[in-house]
């Protein structure tokens, strides 16, 4: 639905009709349509999952290629865009965006933990920024050169924790 309709039109009634379940079933799983949208961003990616490799650079590359692959799905990209846009004015969406960001940062840090790297919120923003810029603002798949620059940048970051 998110790939073909405005995020503002996503209601439990519309989702229930489209999926053949009752609204009560949806309410039992998600408190609000925004939380359903957040779940659409975080779950269900069937593409390549990031893997830990022998080197930090290969592991980081695997992470970013998985992000790019996951966000190439128009529905997932629309869901994330909707959460981002709602977060500016809706406290529930702001909270959901925080959950998404922290979930992804924690997953990244877990993946690279064996290499002694742990990114703070600021470092994760710096690391993810170029990829998300290409996908959402420049409306293009990040080039291999941009992915490699990002991998090199993250590999050179010190392992520091948020204080």
N, C-alpha and C. Protein backbone atom coordinates (compact mmCIF):
# COMPACT_ATOMS: atom_id res chain seq x y z
N UNK A 1 0.81 -1.19 0.00
CA UNK A 1 0.00 0.00 0.00
C UNK A 1 0.86 1.26 0.00
N UNK A 2 1.94 1.23 0.76
CA UNK A 2 2.78 2.43 0.86
C UNK A 2 3.47 2.75 -0.47
N UNK A 3 3.66 1.75 -1.30
CA UNK A 3 4.31 2.00 -2.58
C UNK A 3 3.37 2.67 -3.57
N UNK A 4 2.06 2.58 -3.33
CA UNK A 4 1.10 3.10 -4.31
C UNK A 4 0.18 4.17 -3.76
N UNK A 5 0.20 4.40 -2.46
CA UNK A 5 -0.70 5.37 -1.84
C UNK A 5 0.07 6.29 -0.92
N UNK A 6 -0.53 7.40 -0.60
CA UNK A 6 0.06 8.32 0.36
C UNK A 6 0.09 7.67 1.74
N UNK A 7 1.16 7.90 2.46
CA UNK A 7 1.25 7.37 3.82
C UNK A 7 0.14 7.91 4.70
N UNK A 8 -0.34 9.11 4.37
CA UNK A 8 -1.40 9.72 5.17
C UNK A 8 -2.73 8.97 5.01
N UNK A 9 -2.85 8.15 3.96
CA UNK A 9 -4.09 7.42 3.75
C UNK A 9 -4.06 6.02 4.36
N UNK A 10 -2.97 5.65 4.99
CA UNK A 10 -2.87 4.33 5.59
C UNK A 10 -3.62 4.33 6.91
N UNK A 11 -4.69 3.58 6.93
CA UNK A 11 -5.49 3.42 8.14
C UNK A 11 -5.62 1.93 8.43
N UNK A 12 -6.01 1.61 9.65
CA UNK A 12 -6.24 0.21 9.96
C UNK A 12 -7.38 -0.35 9.13
N UNK A 13 -8.37 0.46 8.83
CA UNK A 13 -9.49 0.00 8.01
C UNK A 13 -8.99 -0.40 6.62
N UNK A 14 -8.16 0.47 6.01
CA UNK A 14 -7.64 0.18 4.68
C UNK A 14 -6.73 -1.05 4.69
N UNK A 15 -5.87 -1.15 5.69
CA UNK A 15 -4.97 -2.30 5.78
C UNK A 15 -5.76 -3.58 6.02
N UNK A 16 -6.78 -3.52 6.88
CA UNK A 16 -7.61 -4.69 7.16
C UNK A 16 -8.29 -5.18 5.89
N UNK A 17 -8.85 -4.26 5.13
CA UNK A 17 -9.51 -4.65 3.86
C UNK A 17 -8.51 -5.28 2.90
N UNK A 18 -7.36 -4.67 2.76
CA UNK A 18 -6.36 -5.16 1.81
C UNK A 18 -5.78 -6.50 2.22
N UNK A 19 -5.66 -6.74 3.51
CA UNK A 19 -5.01 -7.96 3.98
C UNK A 19 -5.98 -9.07 4.38
N UNK A 20 -7.26 -8.74 4.44
CA UNK A 20 -8.25 -9.77 4.77
C UNK A 20 -8.31 -10.13 6.24
N UNK A 21 -7.89 -9.23 7.10
CA UNK A 21 -8.00 -9.45 8.54
C UNK A 21 -8.87 -8.35 9.13
N UNK A 22 -9.23 -8.50 10.38
CA UNK A 22 -10.05 -7.49 11.03
C UNK A 22 -9.18 -6.37 11.59
N UNK A 23 -9.79 -5.22 11.79
CA UNK A 23 -9.06 -4.11 12.41
C UNK A 23 -8.61 -4.51 13.81
N UNK A 24 -9.43 -5.29 14.51
CA UNK A 24 -9.07 -5.71 15.86
C UNK A 24 -7.77 -6.52 15.86
N UNK A 25 -7.59 -7.33 14.82
CA UNK A 25 -6.34 -8.09 14.70
C UNK A 25 -5.15 -7.14 14.59
N UNK A 26 -5.31 -6.09 13.80
CA UNK A 26 -4.24 -5.11 13.64
C UNK A 26 -3.99 -4.36 14.93
N UNK A 27 -5.07 -3.93 15.61
CA UNK A 27 -4.91 -3.22 16.88
C UNK A 27 -4.24 -4.10 17.94
N UNK A 28 -4.48 -5.40 17.88
CA UNK A 28 -3.87 -6.30 18.85
C UNK A 28 -2.35 -6.36 18.67
N UNK A 29 -1.89 -6.16 17.45
CA UNK A 29 -0.46 -6.26 17.15
C UNK A 29 0.24 -4.90 17.19
N UNK A 30 -0.44 -3.86 16.69
CA UNK A 30 0.15 -2.52 16.63
C UNK A 30 -0.85 -1.52 17.20
N UNK A 31 -0.39 -0.63 18.04
CA UNK A 31 -1.28 0.34 18.68
C UNK A 31 -1.83 1.37 17.70
N UNK A 32 -1.03 1.74 16.71
CA UNK A 32 -1.41 2.79 15.77
C UNK A 32 -0.94 2.42 14.37
N UNK A 33 -1.52 3.04 13.35
CA UNK A 33 -1.01 2.81 11.99
C UNK A 33 0.46 3.19 11.85
N UNK A 34 0.91 4.21 12.59
CA UNK A 34 2.32 4.60 12.52
C UNK A 34 3.24 3.48 13.00
N UNK A 35 2.81 2.77 14.04
CA UNK A 35 3.63 1.66 14.53
C UNK A 35 3.65 0.51 13.51
N UNK A 36 2.56 0.34 12.78
CA UNK A 36 2.54 -0.64 11.70
C UNK A 36 3.53 -0.23 10.61
N UNK A 37 3.57 1.04 10.29
CA UNK A 37 4.52 1.55 9.29
C UNK A 37 5.95 1.30 9.78
N UNK A 38 6.22 1.54 11.05
CA UNK A 38 7.55 1.29 11.60
C UNK A 38 7.92 -0.19 11.47
N UNK A 39 6.98 -1.06 11.75
CA UNK A 39 7.23 -2.50 11.61
C UNK A 39 7.53 -2.85 10.15
N UNK A 40 6.86 -2.18 9.22
CA UNK A 40 7.12 -2.41 7.80
C UNK A 40 8.55 -2.03 7.43
N UNK A 41 9.09 -1.02 8.09
CA UNK A 41 10.47 -0.60 7.83
C UNK A 41 11.45 -1.62 8.40
N UNK A 42 11.19 -2.10 9.60
CA UNK A 42 12.17 -2.95 10.29
C UNK A 42 12.09 -4.43 9.94
N UNK A 43 10.95 -4.89 9.48
CA UNK A 43 10.75 -6.33 9.30
C UNK A 43 10.47 -6.69 7.85
N UNK A 44 10.67 -7.95 7.56
CA UNK A 44 10.23 -8.48 6.28
C UNK A 44 11.20 -8.37 5.13
N UNK A 45 12.40 -7.85 5.37
CA UNK A 45 13.38 -7.75 4.28
C UNK A 45 13.82 -9.16 3.91
N UNK A 46 13.60 -9.53 2.66
CA UNK A 46 13.93 -10.89 2.23
C UNK A 46 15.22 -10.94 1.41
N UNK A 47 15.88 -9.82 1.25
CA UNK A 47 17.11 -9.78 0.46
C UNK A 47 18.31 -10.22 1.26
N UNK A 48 19.46 -9.86 0.75
CA UNK A 48 20.71 -10.24 1.39
C UNK A 48 20.82 -9.61 2.77
N UNK A 49 21.09 -10.43 3.75
CA UNK A 49 21.28 -9.96 5.11
C UNK A 49 22.76 -9.67 5.32
N UNK A 50 23.07 -8.64 6.12
CA UNK A 50 24.49 -8.35 6.35
C UNK A 50 25.16 -9.49 7.11
N UNK A 51 26.41 -9.73 6.78
CA UNK A 51 27.15 -10.82 7.40
C UNK A 51 28.46 -10.29 7.97
N UNK A 52 28.95 -10.99 8.99
CA UNK A 52 30.28 -10.68 9.52
C UNK A 52 31.30 -11.46 8.70
N UNK A 53 32.25 -10.72 8.16
CA UNK A 53 33.32 -11.30 7.36
C UNK A 53 34.62 -11.27 8.14
N UNK A 54 35.70 -11.69 7.49
CA UNK A 54 37.01 -11.72 8.13
C UNK A 54 37.58 -10.34 8.38
N UNK A 55 37.13 -9.35 7.62
CA UNK A 55 37.66 -8.00 7.78
C UNK A 55 36.53 -7.04 8.14
N UNK A 56 36.92 -5.98 8.82
CA UNK A 56 35.95 -4.94 9.18
C UNK A 56 35.36 -4.31 7.93
N UNK A 57 36.20 -4.01 6.95
CA UNK A 57 35.72 -3.35 5.72
C UNK A 57 34.69 -4.21 5.00
N UNK A 58 34.93 -5.50 4.87
CA UNK A 58 33.98 -6.39 4.20
C UNK A 58 32.67 -6.47 4.97
N UNK A 59 32.75 -6.46 6.29
CA UNK A 59 31.55 -6.52 7.13
C UNK A 59 30.74 -5.24 6.99
N UNK A 60 31.40 -4.10 7.01
CA UNK A 60 30.71 -2.82 6.85
C UNK A 60 30.09 -2.72 5.45
N UNK A 61 30.82 -3.16 4.44
CA UNK A 61 30.30 -3.16 3.07
C UNK A 61 29.04 -4.02 3.00
N UNK A 62 29.07 -5.18 3.63
CA UNK A 62 27.91 -6.06 3.67
C UNK A 62 26.70 -5.36 4.29
N UNK A 63 26.95 -4.60 5.36
CA UNK A 63 25.88 -3.86 6.03
C UNK A 63 25.23 -2.86 5.08
N UNK A 64 26.06 -2.02 4.46
CA UNK A 64 25.51 -0.97 3.61
C UNK A 64 24.85 -1.52 2.35
N UNK A 65 25.40 -2.59 1.78
CA UNK A 65 24.74 -3.20 0.62
C UNK A 65 23.39 -3.78 1.01
N UNK A 66 23.28 -4.31 2.22
CA UNK A 66 21.99 -4.81 2.70
C UNK A 66 20.99 -3.67 2.90
N UNK A 67 21.46 -2.54 3.44
CA UNK A 67 20.59 -1.36 3.60
C UNK A 67 20.09 -0.90 2.23
N UNK A 68 20.99 -0.80 1.29
CA UNK A 68 20.62 -0.36 -0.06
C UNK A 68 19.61 -1.32 -0.67
N UNK A 69 19.87 -2.61 -0.53
CA UNK A 69 18.96 -3.63 -1.06
C UNK A 69 17.59 -3.53 -0.40
N UNK A 70 17.57 -3.39 0.92
CA UNK A 70 16.30 -3.31 1.65
C UNK A 70 15.48 -2.09 1.27
N UNK A 71 16.16 -0.97 1.05
CA UNK A 71 15.45 0.27 0.71
C UNK A 71 15.18 0.40 -0.79
N UNK A 72 15.58 -0.59 -1.57
CA UNK A 72 15.21 -0.58 -2.99
C UNK A 72 13.76 -1.05 -3.16
N UNK A 73 13.19 -1.63 -2.11
CA UNK A 73 11.77 -1.98 -2.12
C UNK A 73 10.96 -0.70 -1.94
N UNK A 74 10.13 -0.34 -2.93
CA UNK A 74 9.39 0.92 -2.84
C UNK A 74 8.50 1.04 -1.60
N UNK A 75 7.91 -0.05 -1.17
CA UNK A 75 7.05 -0.01 0.02
C UNK A 75 7.83 0.30 1.27
N UNK A 76 9.00 -0.33 1.42
CA UNK A 76 9.84 -0.08 2.60
C UNK A 76 10.38 1.35 2.57
N UNK A 77 10.81 1.80 1.41
CA UNK A 77 11.31 3.17 1.30
C UNK A 77 10.20 4.18 1.60
N UNK A 78 9.00 3.92 1.10
CA UNK A 78 7.87 4.82 1.38
C UNK A 78 7.52 4.80 2.86
N UNK A 79 7.58 3.62 3.47
CA UNK A 79 7.29 3.52 4.90
C UNK A 79 8.27 4.35 5.72
N UNK A 80 9.55 4.22 5.40
CA UNK A 80 10.55 5.00 6.13
C UNK A 80 10.36 6.49 5.88
N UNK A 81 10.11 6.87 4.65
CA UNK A 81 9.84 8.28 4.34
C UNK A 81 8.66 8.81 5.12
N UNK A 82 7.61 8.00 5.24
CA UNK A 82 6.42 8.43 5.97
C UNK A 82 6.74 8.64 7.45
N UNK A 83 7.47 7.71 8.04
CA UNK A 83 7.83 7.85 9.45
C UNK A 83 8.66 9.12 9.65
N UNK A 84 9.61 9.34 8.75
CA UNK A 84 10.45 10.54 8.86
C UNK A 84 9.61 11.80 8.76
N UNK A 85 8.70 11.84 7.80
CA UNK A 85 7.89 13.06 7.63
C UNK A 85 6.93 13.26 8.79
N UNK A 86 6.32 12.21 9.30
CA UNK A 86 5.42 12.34 10.43
C UNK A 86 6.16 12.75 11.70
N UNK A 87 7.42 12.33 11.83
CA UNK A 87 8.19 12.57 13.05
C UNK A 87 8.38 14.05 13.34
N UNK A 88 8.30 14.88 12.33
CA UNK A 88 8.48 16.31 12.53
C UNK A 88 7.37 16.93 13.36
N UNK A 89 6.17 16.34 13.29
CA UNK A 89 5.02 16.94 13.99
C UNK A 89 4.29 15.98 14.91
N UNK A 90 4.56 14.71 14.82
CA UNK A 90 3.81 13.71 15.59
C UNK A 90 4.75 13.04 16.60
N UNK A 91 4.50 13.23 17.90
CA UNK A 91 5.38 12.64 18.91
C UNK A 91 5.47 11.12 18.80
N UNK A 92 4.37 10.45 18.44
CA UNK A 92 4.41 8.99 18.32
C UNK A 92 5.36 8.57 17.20
N UNK A 93 5.32 9.28 16.09
CA UNK A 93 6.22 8.96 14.98
C UNK A 93 7.66 9.32 15.32
N UNK A 94 7.86 10.39 16.05
CA UNK A 94 9.20 10.75 16.49
C UNK A 94 9.77 9.62 17.36
N UNK A 95 8.92 9.09 18.22
CA UNK A 95 9.35 7.96 19.05
C UNK A 95 9.67 6.74 18.18
N UNK A 96 8.81 6.47 17.21
CA UNK A 96 9.01 5.32 16.33
C UNK A 96 10.30 5.48 15.52
N UNK A 97 10.56 6.68 15.03
CA UNK A 97 11.79 6.92 14.29
C UNK A 97 12.99 6.68 15.20
N UNK A 98 12.89 7.11 16.43
CA UNK A 98 13.97 6.84 17.39
C UNK A 98 14.19 5.35 17.58
N UNK A 99 13.10 4.59 17.65
CA UNK A 99 13.19 3.14 17.80
C UNK A 99 13.87 2.52 16.57
N UNK A 100 13.48 2.97 15.39
CA UNK A 100 14.08 2.45 14.15
C UNK A 100 15.58 2.74 14.13
N UNK A 101 15.94 3.99 14.41
CA UNK A 101 17.35 4.38 14.36
C UNK A 101 18.16 3.58 15.39
N UNK A 102 17.65 3.49 16.60
CA UNK A 102 18.39 2.77 17.64
C UNK A 102 18.49 1.28 17.31
N UNK A 103 17.42 0.71 16.75
CA UNK A 103 17.44 -0.70 16.36
C UNK A 103 18.53 -0.95 15.33
N UNK A 104 18.61 -0.09 14.33
CA UNK A 104 19.60 -0.26 13.26
C UNK A 104 21.02 0.00 13.77
N UNK A 105 21.19 1.00 14.63
CA UNK A 105 22.52 1.28 15.19
C UNK A 105 22.98 0.10 16.05
N UNK A 106 22.07 -0.43 16.86
CA UNK A 106 22.42 -1.58 17.70
C UNK A 106 22.76 -2.80 16.84
N UNK A 107 22.01 -3.02 15.77
CA UNK A 107 22.29 -4.15 14.88
C UNK A 107 23.65 -3.98 14.21
N UNK A 108 23.95 -2.75 13.77
CA UNK A 108 25.25 -2.48 13.16
C UNK A 108 26.36 -2.73 14.18
N UNK A 109 26.21 -2.17 15.38
CA UNK A 109 27.25 -2.33 16.40
C UNK A 109 27.44 -3.79 16.78
N UNK A 110 26.36 -4.55 16.81
CA UNK A 110 26.49 -5.98 17.10
C UNK A 110 27.28 -6.68 16.00
N UNK A 111 27.00 -6.31 14.75
CA UNK A 111 27.68 -6.93 13.62
C UNK A 111 29.18 -6.66 13.64
N UNK A 112 29.58 -5.46 14.02
CA UNK A 112 31.01 -5.10 13.99
C UNK A 112 31.69 -5.22 15.35
N UNK A 113 30.97 -5.70 16.35
CA UNK A 113 31.53 -5.74 17.71
C UNK A 113 32.80 -6.58 17.81
N UNK A 114 32.91 -7.61 17.03
CA UNK A 114 34.10 -8.45 17.07
C UNK A 114 35.36 -7.75 16.59
N UNK A 115 35.20 -6.60 15.95
CA UNK A 115 36.34 -5.83 15.46
C UNK A 115 36.68 -4.67 16.40
N UNK A 116 35.98 -4.58 17.53
CA UNK A 116 36.25 -3.52 18.50
C UNK A 116 35.67 -2.17 18.14
N UNK A 117 34.74 -2.15 17.20
CA UNK A 117 34.13 -0.89 16.79
C UNK A 117 32.73 -0.78 17.37
N UNK A 118 32.42 0.38 17.91
CA UNK A 118 31.05 0.68 18.36
C UNK A 118 30.79 2.14 18.04
N UNK A 119 29.81 2.39 17.17
CA UNK A 119 29.54 3.76 16.75
C UNK A 119 28.54 4.44 17.67
N UNK A 120 28.85 5.67 18.01
CA UNK A 120 27.91 6.52 18.76
C UNK A 120 26.78 6.94 17.82
N UNK A 121 25.78 7.60 18.36
CA UNK A 121 24.70 8.12 17.51
C UNK A 121 25.25 9.05 16.44
N UNK A 122 26.13 9.98 16.83
CA UNK A 122 26.70 10.92 15.86
C UNK A 122 27.50 10.20 14.79
N UNK A 123 28.34 9.25 15.19
CA UNK A 123 29.14 8.52 14.21
C UNK A 123 28.26 7.69 13.27
N UNK A 124 27.18 7.11 13.81
CA UNK A 124 26.27 6.34 12.97
C UNK A 124 25.57 7.25 11.96
N UNK A 125 25.24 8.47 12.39
CA UNK A 125 24.65 9.45 11.47
C UNK A 125 25.63 9.81 10.36
N UNK A 126 26.88 10.03 10.72
CA UNK A 126 27.91 10.35 9.73
C UNK A 126 28.08 9.18 8.76
N UNK A 127 28.11 7.99 9.30
CA UNK A 127 28.32 6.80 8.47
C UNK A 127 27.14 6.54 7.53
N UNK A 128 25.94 6.73 8.00
CA UNK A 128 24.76 6.41 7.21
C UNK A 128 24.35 7.54 6.27
N UNK A 129 24.74 8.75 6.59
CA UNK A 129 24.29 9.91 5.84
C UNK A 129 24.47 9.84 4.33
N UNK A 130 25.65 9.50 3.84
CA UNK A 130 25.84 9.49 2.38
C UNK A 130 24.92 8.49 1.67
N UNK A 131 24.73 7.34 2.28
CA UNK A 131 23.88 6.32 1.67
C UNK A 131 22.43 6.80 1.64
N UNK A 132 21.96 7.33 2.76
CA UNK A 132 20.57 7.81 2.81
C UNK A 132 20.36 9.04 1.94
N UNK A 133 21.39 9.89 1.82
CA UNK A 133 21.29 11.04 0.93
C UNK A 133 21.06 10.57 -0.50
N UNK A 134 21.88 9.63 -0.95
CA UNK A 134 21.74 9.14 -2.32
C UNK A 134 20.35 8.52 -2.54
N UNK A 135 19.90 7.71 -1.59
CA UNK A 135 18.62 7.02 -1.75
C UNK A 135 17.42 7.95 -1.69
N UNK A 136 17.41 8.89 -0.74
CA UNK A 136 16.20 9.67 -0.49
C UNK A 136 16.22 11.08 -1.06
N UNK A 137 17.39 11.70 -1.14
CA UNK A 137 17.43 13.08 -1.61
C UNK A 137 17.88 13.19 -3.06
N UNK A 138 18.79 12.30 -3.45
CA UNK A 138 19.27 12.30 -4.83
C UNK A 138 18.50 11.28 -5.67
N UNK A 139 17.65 10.47 -5.02
CA UNK A 139 16.77 9.50 -5.67
C UNK A 139 17.53 8.58 -6.63
N UNK A 140 18.62 8.02 -6.11
CA UNK A 140 19.40 7.10 -6.93
C UNK A 140 20.03 6.04 -6.04
N UNK A 141 20.37 4.94 -6.67
CA UNK A 141 21.10 3.90 -5.96
C UNK A 141 22.53 4.40 -5.73
N UNK A 142 23.05 4.29 -4.51
CA UNK A 142 24.42 4.73 -4.27
C UNK A 142 25.41 4.01 -5.19
N UNK A 143 26.37 4.74 -5.69
CA UNK A 143 27.37 4.16 -6.58
C UNK A 143 28.33 3.29 -5.78
N UNK A 144 28.99 2.34 -6.45
CA UNK A 144 30.02 1.57 -5.74
C UNK A 144 31.09 2.47 -5.12
N UNK A 145 31.43 3.57 -5.80
CA UNK A 145 32.44 4.49 -5.24
C UNK A 145 31.94 5.12 -3.94
N UNK A 146 30.67 5.48 -3.87
CA UNK A 146 30.12 6.06 -2.64
C UNK A 146 30.11 5.01 -1.52
N UNK A 147 29.75 3.79 -1.86
CA UNK A 147 29.76 2.71 -0.85
C UNK A 147 31.18 2.52 -0.32
N UNK A 148 32.16 2.48 -1.21
CA UNK A 148 33.55 2.28 -0.77
C UNK A 148 34.05 3.46 0.06
N UNK A 149 33.70 4.69 -0.31
CA UNK A 149 34.08 5.85 0.49
C UNK A 149 33.48 5.74 1.88
N UNK A 150 32.21 5.33 1.95
CA UNK A 150 31.54 5.18 3.24
C UNK A 150 32.22 4.09 4.07
N UNK A 151 32.54 2.97 3.45
CA UNK A 151 33.24 1.88 4.15
C UNK A 151 34.58 2.39 4.69
N UNK A 152 35.33 3.10 3.86
CA UNK A 152 36.63 3.64 4.31
C UNK A 152 36.46 4.62 5.47
N UNK A 153 35.44 5.46 5.40
CA UNK A 153 35.17 6.44 6.46
C UNK A 153 34.85 5.75 7.78
N UNK A 154 33.98 4.75 7.72
CA UNK A 154 33.58 4.05 8.95
C UNK A 154 34.75 3.24 9.49
N UNK A 155 35.49 2.61 8.63
CA UNK A 155 36.64 1.82 9.08
C UNK A 155 37.65 2.68 9.83
N UNK A 156 37.77 3.93 9.45
CA UNK A 156 38.73 4.83 10.09
C UNK A 156 38.20 5.48 11.37
N UNK A 157 36.93 5.26 11.70
CA UNK A 157 36.36 5.89 12.90
C UNK A 157 36.89 5.24 14.16
N UNK A 158 37.15 6.03 15.16
CA UNK A 158 37.57 5.44 16.45
C UNK A 158 36.39 4.74 17.11
N UNK A 159 36.72 3.74 17.90
CA UNK A 159 35.68 3.00 18.62
C UNK A 159 35.36 3.77 19.89
N UNK A 160 34.36 4.63 19.83
CA UNK A 160 34.01 5.40 21.02
C UNK A 160 32.52 5.26 21.27
N UNK A 161 32.17 5.33 22.52
CA UNK A 161 30.79 5.20 22.94
C UNK A 161 30.20 6.55 23.26
N UNK A 162 28.88 6.62 23.19
CA UNK A 162 28.16 7.85 23.55
C UNK A 162 28.41 8.16 25.02
N UNK A 163 28.66 9.39 25.34
CA UNK A 163 28.86 9.79 26.75
C UNK A 163 27.71 10.64 27.22
